[in-house]
């Protein structure tokens, strides 16, 4: 059985923080893709990008809440 490599950082929240960062970065990057599609008049593609962006926004909010809860438990 092949095991996945361990996270490079020995912090129990590393993977959560990294996934949170990726979700928020995708929200930001998709603005460019949406603008490009809109400028070409491709509303179908722009709508699809907006749906992906909203999913990433929701994942980012969930990740922030989860991280906040975990940090509060660690500190008190």
PDB file of N, CA and C in Angstrom:
ATOM      1  N   UNK A   1       0.845  -1.182   0.000  1.00  0.00           N
ATOM      2  CA  UNK A   1       0.000   0.000   0.000  1.00  0.00           C
ATOM      3  C   UNK A   1       0.890   1.245   0.000  1.00  0.00           C
ATOM      4  N   UNK A   2       0.599   2.177  -0.880  1.00  0.00           N
ATOM      5  CA  UNK A   2       1.369   3.412  -0.993  1.00  0.00           C
ATOM      6  C   UNK A   2       0.733   4.470  -0.110  1.00  0.00           C
ATOM      7  N   UNK A   3       1.555   5.077   0.726  1.00  0.00           N
ATOM      8  CA  UNK A   3       1.063   6.149   1.598  1.00  0.00           C
ATOM      9  C   UNK A   3       1.365   7.494   0.990  1.00  0.00           C
ATOM     10  N   UNK A   4       0.443   8.414   1.200  1.00  0.00           N
ATOM     11  CA  UNK A   4       0.681   9.792   0.784  1.00  0.00           C
ATOM     12  C   UNK A   4       1.763  10.386   1.683  1.00  0.00           C
ATOM     13  N   UNK A   5       2.582  11.279   1.153  1.00  0.00           N
ATOM     14  CA  UNK A   5       3.576  11.920   2.023  1.00  0.00           C
ATOM     15  C   UNK A   5       2.887  12.769   3.081  1.00  0.00           C
ATOM     16  N   UNK A   6       3.511  12.871   4.221  1.00  0.00           N
ATOM     17  CA  UNK A   6       2.962  13.687   5.305  1.00  0.00           C
ATOM     18  C   UNK A   6       3.077  15.159   4.944  1.00  0.00           C
ATOM     19  N   UNK A   7       2.262  15.971   5.594  1.00  0.00           N
ATOM     20  CA  UNK A   7       2.354  17.417   5.403  1.00  0.00           C
ATOM     21  C   UNK A   7       3.762  17.876   5.747  1.00  0.00           C
ATOM     22  N   UNK A   8       4.284  18.860   5.037  1.00  0.00           N
ATOM     23  CA  UNK A   8       5.651  19.303   5.274  1.00  0.00           C
ATOM     24  C   UNK A   8       5.831  20.042   6.601  1.00  0.00           C
ATOM     25  N   UNK A   9       4.753  20.460   7.197  1.00  0.00           N
ATOM     26  CA  UNK A   9       4.831  21.214   8.443  1.00  0.00           C
ATOM     27  C   UNK A   9       4.166  20.383   9.535  1.00  0.00           C
ATOM     28  N   UNK A  10       4.746  20.374  10.702  1.00  0.00           N
ATOM     29  CA  UNK A  10       4.233  19.547  11.798  1.00  0.00           C
ATOM     30  C   UNK A  10       3.177  20.278  12.625  1.00  0.00           C
ATOM     31  N   UNK A  11       2.398  21.119  11.994  1.00  0.00           N
ATOM     32  CA  UNK A  11       1.323  21.834  12.666  1.00  0.00           C
ATOM     33  C   UNK A  11       0.011  21.142  12.317  1.00  0.00           C
ATOM     34  N   UNK A  12      -0.797  20.838  13.324  1.00  0.00           N
ATOM     35  CA  UNK A  12      -2.028  20.089  13.063  1.00  0.00           C
ATOM     36  C   UNK A  12      -3.033  20.865  12.226  1.00  0.00           C
ATOM     37  N   UNK A  13      -2.875  22.176  12.123  1.00  0.00           N
ATOM     38  CA  UNK A  13      -3.791  22.988  11.326  1.00  0.00           C
ATOM     39  C   UNK A  13      -3.242  23.331   9.940  1.00  0.00           C
ATOM     40  N   UNK A  14      -2.052  22.828   9.616  1.00  0.00           N
ATOM     41  CA  UNK A  14      -1.408  23.202   8.354  1.00  0.00           C
ATOM     42  C   UNK A  14      -2.295  22.912   7.143  1.00  0.00           C
ATOM     43  N   UNK A  15      -2.808  21.692   7.050  1.00  0.00           N
ATOM     44  CA  UNK A  15      -3.609  21.322   5.877  1.00  0.00           C
ATOM     45  C   UNK A  15      -4.866  22.185   5.769  1.00  0.00           C
ATOM     46  N   UNK A  16      -5.496  22.466   6.911  1.00  0.00           N
ATOM     47  CA  UNK A  16      -6.678  23.320   6.917  1.00  0.00           C
ATOM     48  C   UNK A  16      -6.322  24.724   6.437  1.00  0.00           C
ATOM     49  N   UNK A  17      -5.234  25.269   6.954  1.00  0.00           N
ATOM     50  CA  UNK A  17      -4.811  26.622   6.573  1.00  0.00           C
ATOM     51  C   UNK A  17      -4.478  26.668   5.085  1.00  0.00           C
ATOM     52  N   UNK A  18      -3.795  25.653   4.595  1.00  0.00           N
ATOM     53  CA  UNK A  18      -3.416  25.621   3.180  1.00  0.00           C
ATOM     54  C   UNK A  18      -4.654  25.531   2.285  1.00  0.00           C
ATOM     55  N   UNK A  19      -5.610  24.666   2.631  1.00  0.00           N
ATOM     56  CA  UNK A  19      -6.834  24.545   1.844  1.00  0.00           C
ATOM     57  C   UNK A  19      -7.643  25.838   1.887  1.00  0.00           C
ATOM     58  N   UNK A  20      -7.674  26.489   3.039  1.00  0.00           N
ATOM     59  CA  UNK A  20      -8.358  27.775   3.188  1.00  0.00           C
ATOM     60  C   UNK A  20      -7.723  28.817   2.276  1.00  0.00           C
ATOM     61  N   UNK A  21      -6.408  28.880   2.288  1.00  0.00           N
ATOM     62  CA  UNK A  21      -5.692  29.835   1.444  1.00  0.00           C
ATOM     63  C   UNK A  21      -5.984  29.575  -0.033  1.00  0.00           C
ATOM     64  N   UNK A  22      -5.996  28.315  -0.434  1.00  0.00           N
ATOM     65  CA  UNK A  22      -6.268  27.985  -1.840  1.00  0.00           C
ATOM     66  C   UNK A  22      -7.687  28.391  -2.230  1.00  0.00           C
ATOM     67  N   UNK A  23      -8.659  28.157  -1.349  1.00  0.00           N
ATOM     68  CA  UNK A  23     -10.040  28.537  -1.654  1.00  0.00           C
ATOM     69  C   UNK A  23     -10.161  30.036  -1.848  1.00  0.00           C
ATOM     70  N   UNK A  24      -9.561  30.805  -0.941  1.00  0.00           N
ATOM     71  CA  UNK A  24      -9.644  32.262  -1.038  1.00  0.00           C
ATOM     72  C   UNK A  24      -8.883  32.792  -2.251  1.00  0.00           C
ATOM     73  N   UNK A  25      -7.764  32.158  -2.586  1.00  0.00           N
ATOM     74  CA  UNK A  25      -7.002  32.566  -3.770  1.00  0.00           C
ATOM     75  C   UNK A  25      -7.812  32.307  -5.035  1.00  0.00           C
ATOM     76  N   UNK A  26      -8.520  31.194  -5.073  1.00  0.00           N
ATOM     77  CA  UNK A  26      -9.345  30.895  -6.249  1.00  0.00           C
ATOM     78  C   UNK A  26     -10.471  31.903  -6.411  1.00  0.00           C
ATOM     79  N   UNK A  27     -11.057  32.360  -5.304  1.00  0.00           N
ATOM     80  CA  UNK A  27     -12.095  33.393  -5.389  1.00  0.00           C
ATOM     81  C   UNK A  27     -11.529  34.618  -6.100  1.00  0.00           C
ATOM     82  N   UNK A  28     -10.347  35.023  -5.696  1.00  0.00           N
ATOM     83  CA  UNK A  28      -9.687  36.201  -6.272  1.00  0.00           C
ATOM     84  C   UNK A  28      -9.329  35.969  -7.738  1.00  0.00           C
ATOM     85  N   UNK A  29      -8.725  34.808  -8.055  1.00  0.00           N
ATOM     86  CA  UNK A  29      -8.313  34.524  -9.438  1.00  0.00           C
ATOM     87  C   UNK A  29      -9.493  34.436 -10.391  1.00  0.00           C
ATOM     88  N   UNK A  30     -10.598  33.906  -9.914  1.00  0.00           N
ATOM     89  CA  UNK A  30     -11.761  33.754 -10.786  1.00  0.00           C
ATOM     90  C   UNK A  30     -12.333  35.088 -11.232  1.00  0.00           C
ATOM     91  N   UNK A  31     -12.059  36.169 -10.492  1.00  0.00           N
ATOM     92  CA  UNK A  31     -12.496  37.501 -10.948  1.00  0.00           C
ATOM     93  C   UNK A  31     -11.934  37.797 -12.334  1.00  0.00           C
ATOM     94  N   UNK A  32     -10.678  37.442 -12.565  1.00  0.00           N
ATOM     95  CA  UNK A  32     -10.053  37.665 -13.867  1.00  0.00           C
ATOM     96  C   UNK A  32     -10.724  36.828 -14.939  1.00  0.00           C
ATOM     97  N   UNK A  33     -10.990  35.569 -14.630  1.00  0.00           N
ATOM     98  CA  UNK A  33     -11.621  34.686 -15.610  1.00  0.00           C
ATOM     99  C   UNK A  33     -13.029  35.160 -15.945  1.00  0.00           C
ATOM    100  N   UNK A  34     -13.754  35.619 -14.941  1.00  0.00           N
ATOM    101  CA  UNK A  34     -15.109  36.135 -15.155  1.00  0.00           C
ATOM    102  C   UNK A  34     -15.062  37.375 -16.051  1.00  0.00           C
ATOM    103  N   UNK A  35     -14.138  38.286 -15.745  1.00  0.00           N
ATOM    104  CA  UNK A  35     -14.015  39.504 -16.555  1.00  0.00           C
ATOM    105  C   UNK A  35     -13.639  39.166 -17.995  1.00  0.00           C
ATOM    106  N   UNK A  36     -12.735  38.201 -18.174  1.00  0.00           N
ATOM    107  CA  UNK A  36     -12.351  37.793 -19.531  1.00  0.00           C
ATOM    108  C   UNK A  36     -13.542  37.233 -20.292  1.00  0.00           C
ATOM    109  N   UNK A  37     -14.299  36.356 -19.649  1.00  0.00           N
ATOM    110  CA  UNK A  37     -15.465  35.759 -20.309  1.00  0.00           C
ATOM    111  C   UNK A  37     -16.507  36.833 -20.625  1.00  0.00           C
ATOM    112  N   UNK A  38     -16.743  37.731 -19.673  1.00  0.00           N
ATOM    113  CA  UNK A  38     -17.701  38.820 -19.905  1.00  0.00           C
ATOM    114  C   UNK A  38     -17.264  39.694 -21.071  1.00  0.00           C
ATOM    115  N   UNK A  39     -15.976  40.010 -21.142  1.00  0.00           N
ATOM    116  CA  UNK A  39     -15.494  40.893 -22.214  1.00  0.00           C
ATOM    117  C   UNK A  39     -15.608  40.230 -23.583  1.00  0.00           C
ATOM    118  N   UNK A  40     -15.625  38.905 -23.613  1.00  0.00           N
ATOM    119  CA  UNK A  40     -15.809  38.185 -24.877  1.00  0.00           C
ATOM    120  C   UNK A  40     -17.283  37.904 -25.163  1.00  0.00           C
ATOM    121  N   UNK A  41     -18.149  38.298 -24.238  1.00  0.00           N
ATOM    122  CA  UNK A  41     -19.576  38.057 -24.430  1.00  0.00           C
ATOM    123  C   UNK A  41     -19.984  36.616 -24.173  1.00  0.00           C
ATOM    124  N   UNK A  42     -19.151  35.867 -23.449  1.00  0.00           N
ATOM    125  CA  UNK A  42     -19.426  34.458 -23.169  1.00  0.00           C
ATOM    126  C   UNK A  42     -20.089  34.342 -21.794  1.00  0.00           C
ATOM    127  N   UNK A  43     -21.388  34.628 -21.771  1.00  0.00           N
ATOM    128  CA  UNK A  43     -22.101  34.637 -20.491  1.00  0.00           C
ATOM    129  C   UNK A  43     -22.209  33.241 -19.885  1.00  0.00           C
ATOM    130  N   UNK A  44     -22.251  32.205 -20.720  1.00  0.00           N
ATOM    131  CA  UNK A  44     -22.314  30.836 -20.202  1.00  0.00           C
ATOM    132  C   UNK A  44     -21.069  30.522 -19.374  1.00  0.00           C
ATOM    133  N   UNK A  45     -19.899  30.851 -19.918  1.00  0.00           N
ATOM    134  CA  UNK A  45     -18.651  30.591 -19.203  1.00  0.00           C
ATOM    135  C   UNK A  45     -18.537  31.481 -17.970  1.00  0.00           C
ATOM    136  N   UNK A  46     -18.903  32.742 -18.083  1.00  0.00           N
ATOM    137  CA  UNK A  46     -18.850  33.656 -16.938  1.00  0.00           C
ATOM    138  C   UNK A  46     -19.745  33.154 -15.805  1.00  0.00           C
ATOM    139  N   UNK A  47     -20.934  32.665 -16.145  1.00  0.00           N
ATOM    140  CA  UNK A  47     -21.843  32.120 -15.136  1.00  0.00           C
ATOM    141  C   UNK A  47     -21.234  30.901 -14.459  1.00  0.00           C
ATOM    142  N   UNK A  48     -20.611  30.032 -15.230  1.00  0.00           N
ATOM    143  CA  UNK A  48     -19.969  28.841 -14.668  1.00  0.00           C
ATOM    144  C   UNK A  48     -18.837  29.231 -13.725  1.00  0.00           C
ATOM    145  N   UNK A  49     -18.016  30.214 -14.135  1.00  0.00           N
ATOM    146  CA  UNK A  49     -16.946  30.699 -13.256  1.00  0.00           C
ATOM    147  C   UNK A  49     -17.517  31.289 -11.970  1.00  0.00           C
ATOM    148  N   UNK A  50     -18.628  32.005 -12.066  1.00  0.00           N
ATOM    149  CA  UNK A  50     -19.256  32.581 -10.869  1.00  0.00           C
ATOM    150  C   UNK A  50     -19.729  31.490  -9.907  1.00  0.00           C
ATOM    151  N   UNK A  51     -20.237  30.393 -10.454  1.00  0.00           N
ATOM    152  CA  UNK A  51     -20.661  29.273  -9.605  1.00  0.00           C
ATOM    153  C   UNK A  51     -19.464  28.662  -8.882  1.00  0.00           C
ATOM    154  N   UNK A  52     -18.375  28.485  -9.601  1.00  0.00           N
ATOM    155  CA  UNK A  52     -17.156  27.960  -8.979  1.00  0.00           C
ATOM    156  C   UNK A  52     -16.666  28.934  -7.911  1.00  0.00           C
ATOM    157  N   UNK A  53     -16.698  30.213  -8.227  1.00  0.00           N
ATOM    158  CA  UNK A  53     -16.258  31.234  -7.285  1.00  0.00           C
ATOM    159  C   UNK A  53     -17.100  31.196  -6.010  1.00  0.00           C
ATOM    160  N   UNK A  54     -18.400  31.048  -6.156  1.00  0.00           N
ATOM    161  CA  UNK A  54     -19.276  30.993  -4.992  1.00  0.00           C
ATOM    162  C   UNK A  54     -18.983  29.750  -4.148  1.00  0.00           C
ATOM    163  N   UNK A  55     -18.734  28.623  -4.788  1.00  0.00           N
ATOM    164  CA  UNK A  55     -18.369  27.408  -4.053  1.00  0.00           C
ATOM    165  C   UNK A  55     -17.080  27.606  -3.266  1.00  0.00           C
ATOM    166  N   UNK A  56     -16.104  28.268  -3.880  1.00  0.00           N
ATOM    167  CA  UNK A  56     -14.844  28.541  -3.188  1.00  0.00           C
ATOM    168  C   UNK A  56     -15.045  29.542  -2.052  1.00  0.00           C
ATOM    169  N   UNK A  57     -15.925  30.511  -2.273  1.00  0.00           N
ATOM    170  CA  UNK A  57     -16.227  31.489  -1.220  1.00  0.00           C
ATOM    171  C   UNK A  57     -16.851  30.783  -0.010  1.00  0.00           C
ATOM    172  N   UNK A  58     -17.794  29.879  -0.271  1.00  0.00           N
ATOM    173  CA  UNK A  58     -18.423  29.120   0.813  1.00  0.00           C
ATOM    174  C   UNK A  58     -17.391  28.253   1.533  1.00  0.00           C
ATOM    175  N   UNK A  59     -16.539  27.573   0.772  1.00  0.00           N
ATOM    176  CA  UNK A  59     -15.502  26.741   1.379  1.00  0.00           C
ATOM    177  C   UNK A  59     -14.553  27.599   2.218  1.00  0.00           C
ATOM    178  N   UNK A  60     -14.229  28.788   1.730  1.00  0.00           N
ATOM    179  CA  UNK A  60     -13.363  29.693   2.480  1.00  0.00           C
ATOM    180  C   UNK A  60     -13.998  30.121   3.794  1.00  0.00           C
ATOM    181  N   UNK A  61     -15.281  30.452   3.761  1.00  0.00           N
ATOM    182  CA  UNK A  61     -15.980  30.850   4.988  1.00  0.00           C
ATOM    183  C   UNK A  61     -16.049  29.694   5.973  1.00  0.00           C
ATOM    184  N   UNK A  62     -16.338  28.498   5.476  1.00  0.00           N
ATOM    185  CA  UNK A  62     -16.382  27.329   6.349  1.00  0.00           C
ATOM    186  C   UNK A  62     -15.003  27.053   6.956  1.00  0.00           C
ATOM    187  N   UNK A  63     -13.971  27.179   6.136  1.00  0.00           N
ATOM    188  CA  UNK A  63     -12.611  26.962   6.619  1.00  0.00           C
ATOM    189  C   UNK A  63     -12.204  27.979   7.668  1.00  0.00           C
ATOM    190  N   UNK A  64     -12.587  29.235   7.466  1.00  0.00           N
ATOM    191  CA  UNK A  64     -12.269  30.268   8.463  1.00  0.00           C
ATOM    192  C   UNK A  64     -12.956  29.974   9.788  1.00  0.00           C
ATOM    193  N   UNK A  65     -14.225  29.567   9.724  1.00  0.00           N
ATOM    194  CA  UNK A  65     -14.956  29.240  10.953  1.00  0.00           C
ATOM    195  C   UNK A  65     -14.318  28.047  11.672  1.00  0.00           C
ATOM    196  N   UNK A  66     -13.946  27.035  10.899  1.00  0.00           N
ATOM    197  CA  UNK A  66     -13.336  25.853  11.489  1.00  0.00           C
ATOM    198  C   UNK A  66     -11.988  26.200  12.133  1.00  0.00           C
ATOM    199  N   UNK A  67     -11.188  26.996  11.447  1.00  0.00           N
ATOM    200  CA  UNK A  67      -9.893  27.385  11.994  1.00  0.00           C
ATOM    201  C   UNK A  67     -10.067  28.217  13.259  1.00  0.00           C
ATOM    202  N   UNK A  68     -11.011  29.167  13.228  1.00  0.00           N
ATOM    203  CA  UNK A  68     -11.251  30.002  14.401  1.00  0.00           C
ATOM    204  C   UNK A  68     -11.659  29.142  15.604  1.00  0.00           C
ATOM    205  N   UNK A  69     -12.538  28.202  15.368  1.00  0.00           N
ATOM    206  CA  UNK A  69     -12.992  27.325  16.441  1.00  0.00           C
ATOM    207  C   UNK A  69     -11.843  26.500  17.002  1.00  0.00           C
ATOM    208  N   UNK A  70     -11.008  25.970  16.143  1.00  0.00           N
ATOM    209  CA  UNK A  70      -9.880  25.159  16.591  1.00  0.00           C
ATOM    210  C   UNK A  70      -8.855  25.993  17.371  1.00  0.00           C
ATOM    211  N   UNK A  71      -8.606  27.203  16.912  1.00  0.00           N
ATOM    212  CA  UNK A  71      -7.649  28.063  17.602  1.00  0.00           C
ATOM    213  C   UNK A  71      -8.182  28.487  18.969  1.00  0.00           C
ATOM    214  N   UNK A  72      -9.478  28.754  19.037  1.00  0.00           N
ATOM    215  CA  UNK A  72     -10.073  29.124  20.327  1.00  0.00           C
ATOM    216  C   UNK A  72      -9.991  27.971  21.317  1.00  0.00           C
ATOM    217  N   UNK A  73     -10.199  26.746  20.850  1.00  0.00           N
ATOM    218  CA  UNK A  73     -10.096  25.580  21.739  1.00  0.00           C
ATOM    219  C   UNK A  73      -8.671  25.402  22.233  1.00  0.00           C
ATOM    220  N   UNK A  74      -7.698  25.657  21.371  1.00  0.00           N
ATOM    221  CA  UNK A  74      -6.285  25.526  21.756  1.00  0.00           C
ATOM    222  C   UNK A  74      -5.889  26.568  22.792  1.00  0.00           C
ATOM    223  N   UNK A  75      -6.476  27.755  22.689  1.00  0.00           N
ATOM    224  CA  UNK A  75      -6.056  28.874  23.541  1.00  0.00           C
ATOM    225  C   UNK A  75      -6.946  29.102  24.748  1.00  0.00           C
ATOM    226  N   UNK A  76      -7.883  28.251  24.957  1.00  0.00           N
ATOM    227  CA  UNK A  76      -8.661  28.570  26.130  1.00  0.00           C
ATOM    228  C   UNK A  76      -9.804  27.738  26.402  1.00  0.00           C
TER     229      UNK A  76
END
